[in-house]
């Protein structure tokens, strides 16, 4: 199993939002990334966070975010209270 980098939700949000703005269609002014939230792992190989997808728009920004989340879930985990010490 590969080790993911543990980051704070706010830091992960900044990374996701920056990359989402870069990749989404420039014509869309409605969609944005919400703060990632912690979830229980389904199995040891999955990430411990998710995000709420943007509402459906004419530019299908949810597909961009879906791909981006999949990439970032392979790289990052949200820090837990134990990781802060």
C-alpha atoms as a PDB file:
ATOM      1  CA  UNK A   1       0.000   0.000   0.000  1.00  0.00           C
ATOM      2  CA  UNK A   2       1.328   3.433  -0.920  1.00  0.00           C
ATOM      3  CA  UNK A   3       1.453   6.059   1.778  1.00  0.00           C
ATOM      4  CA  UNK A   4      -0.559   9.227   1.277  1.00  0.00           C
ATOM      5  CA  UNK A   5       0.527  12.609   2.589  1.00  0.00           C
ATOM      6  CA  UNK A   6      -1.577  13.706   5.577  1.00  0.00           C
ATOM      7  CA  UNK A   7      -2.824  17.291   5.177  1.00  0.00           C
ATOM      8  CA  UNK A   8      -5.330  19.561   6.902  1.00  0.00           C
ATOM      9  CA  UNK A   9      -8.738  19.931   5.255  1.00  0.00           C
ATOM     10  CA  UNK A  10      -8.093  23.636   4.627  1.00  0.00           C
ATOM     11  CA  UNK A  11      -4.806  22.896   2.856  1.00  0.00           C
ATOM     12  CA  UNK A  12      -6.393  20.186   0.726  1.00  0.00           C
ATOM     13  CA  UNK A  13      -9.233  22.574  -0.132  1.00  0.00           C
ATOM     14  CA  UNK A  14      -6.742  25.167  -1.408  1.00  0.00           C
ATOM     15  CA  UNK A  15      -5.034  22.569  -3.612  1.00  0.00           C
ATOM     16  CA  UNK A  16      -8.341  21.238  -4.968  1.00  0.00           C
ATOM     17  CA  UNK A  17      -9.836  24.684  -5.607  1.00  0.00           C
ATOM     18  CA  UNK A  18      -6.737  25.934  -7.413  1.00  0.00           C
ATOM     19  CA  UNK A  19      -6.574  22.906  -9.694  1.00  0.00           C
ATOM     20  CA  UNK A  20     -10.345  22.868 -10.252  1.00  0.00           C
ATOM     21  CA  UNK A  21     -10.289  26.498 -11.403  1.00  0.00           C
ATOM     22  CA  UNK A  22      -7.444  25.653 -13.767  1.00  0.00           C
ATOM     23  CA  UNK A  23      -9.237  22.638 -15.318  1.00  0.00           C
ATOM     24  CA  UNK A  24     -12.909  23.607 -15.415  1.00  0.00           C
ATOM     25  CA  UNK A  25     -14.374  25.313 -18.480  1.00  0.00           C
ATOM     26  CA  UNK A  26     -13.770  29.067 -18.186  1.00  0.00           C
ATOM     27  CA  UNK A  27     -17.345  29.710 -19.328  1.00  0.00           C
ATOM     28  CA  UNK A  28     -18.708  28.304 -16.046  1.00  0.00           C
ATOM     29  CA  UNK A  29     -18.964  30.876 -13.298  1.00  0.00           C
ATOM     30  CA  UNK A  30     -21.275  28.821 -11.067  1.00  0.00           C
ATOM     31  CA  UNK A  31     -19.268  25.781  -9.921  1.00  0.00           C
ATOM     32  CA  UNK A  32     -16.788  25.634  -7.060  1.00  0.00           C
ATOM     33  CA  UNK A  33     -15.152  23.136  -4.699  1.00  0.00           C
ATOM     34  CA  UNK A  34     -16.464  22.620  -1.188  1.00  0.00           C
ATOM     35  CA  UNK A  35     -14.298  21.860   1.834  1.00  0.00           C
ATOM     36  CA  UNK A  36     -13.261  18.173   1.922  1.00  0.00           C
ATOM     37  CA  UNK A  37     -14.713  16.183   4.812  1.00  0.00           C
ATOM     38  CA  UNK A  38     -13.481  13.089   6.593  1.00  0.00           C
ATOM     39  CA  UNK A  39     -15.140   9.697   6.053  1.00  0.00           C
ATOM     40  CA  UNK A  40     -14.508   6.209   7.394  1.00  0.00           C
ATOM     41  CA  UNK A  41     -12.332   4.160   5.074  1.00  0.00           C
ATOM     42  CA  UNK A  42     -14.093   1.497   3.082  1.00  0.00           C
ATOM     43  CA  UNK A  43     -10.834  -0.455   2.996  1.00  0.00           C
ATOM     44  CA  UNK A  44      -7.205   0.341   3.886  1.00  0.00           C
ATOM     45  CA  UNK A  45      -6.372   1.324   0.307  1.00  0.00           C
ATOM     46  CA  UNK A  46      -8.924   4.124   0.016  1.00  0.00           C
ATOM     47  CA  UNK A  47      -8.697   7.770   1.017  1.00  0.00           C
ATOM     48  CA  UNK A  48     -10.361   9.046   4.188  1.00  0.00           C
ATOM     49  CA  UNK A  49     -12.091  12.045   2.624  1.00  0.00           C
ATOM     50  CA  UNK A  50     -14.656  13.125   0.044  1.00  0.00           C
ATOM     51  CA  UNK A  51     -16.161  16.337  -1.312  1.00  0.00           C
ATOM     52  CA  UNK A  52     -19.701  17.275  -2.285  1.00  0.00           C
ATOM     53  CA  UNK A  53     -19.879  17.588  -6.075  1.00  0.00           C
ATOM     54  CA  UNK A  54     -21.035  20.869  -7.608  1.00  0.00           C
ATOM     55  CA  UNK A  55     -24.597  21.089  -8.898  1.00  0.00           C
ATOM     56  CA  UNK A  56     -25.221  19.954 -12.440  1.00  0.00           C
ATOM     57  CA  UNK A  57     -24.311  22.649 -14.927  1.00  0.00           C
ATOM     58  CA  UNK A  58     -24.249  22.957 -18.716  1.00  0.00           C
ATOM     59  CA  UNK A  59     -20.453  22.539 -18.732  1.00  0.00           C
ATOM     60  CA  UNK A  60     -20.395  19.260 -16.735  1.00  0.00           C
ATOM     61  CA  UNK A  61     -17.949  20.574 -14.146  1.00  0.00           C
ATOM     62  CA  UNK A  62     -18.815  17.651 -11.886  1.00  0.00           C
ATOM     63  CA  UNK A  63     -16.834  15.399 -14.239  1.00  0.00           C
ATOM     64  CA  UNK A  64     -13.776  17.626 -13.860  1.00  0.00           C
ATOM     65  CA  UNK A  65     -14.091  17.526 -10.082  1.00  0.00           C
ATOM     66  CA  UNK A  66     -14.684  13.774 -10.060  1.00  0.00           C
ATOM     67  CA  UNK A  67     -11.413  13.190 -11.934  1.00  0.00           C
ATOM     68  CA  UNK A  68      -9.555  15.665  -9.752  1.00  0.00           C
ATOM     69  CA  UNK A  69     -10.810  14.075  -6.524  1.00  0.00           C
ATOM     70  CA  UNK A  70      -9.762  10.624  -7.757  1.00  0.00           C
ATOM     71  CA  UNK A  71      -6.243  11.936  -8.453  1.00  0.00           C
ATOM     72  CA  UNK A  72      -5.937  13.726  -5.123  1.00  0.00           C
ATOM     73  CA  UNK A  73      -7.387  10.822  -3.110  1.00  0.00           C
ATOM     74  CA  UNK A  74      -4.455   8.746  -4.332  1.00  0.00           C
ATOM     75  CA  UNK A  75      -2.045  11.382  -2.984  1.00  0.00           C
ATOM     76  CA  UNK A  76      -3.594  12.816   0.186  1.00  0.00           C
ATOM     77  CA  UNK A  77      -5.374  11.828   3.389  1.00  0.00           C
ATOM     78  CA  UNK A  78      -6.957  14.236   5.815  1.00  0.00           C
ATOM     79  CA  UNK A  79      -5.025  14.559   9.028  1.00  0.00           C
ATOM     80  CA  UNK A  80      -6.572  13.041  12.107  1.00  0.00           C
ATOM     81  CA  UNK A  81      -6.223  14.370  15.649  1.00  0.00           C
ATOM     82  CA  UNK A  82      -3.567  11.728  16.320  1.00  0.00           C
ATOM     83  CA  UNK A  83      -1.465  13.023  13.399  1.00  0.00           C
ATOM     84  CA  UNK A  84      -1.168  16.452  14.992  1.00  0.00           C
ATOM     85  CA  UNK A  85       1.029  15.325  17.864  1.00  0.00           C
END
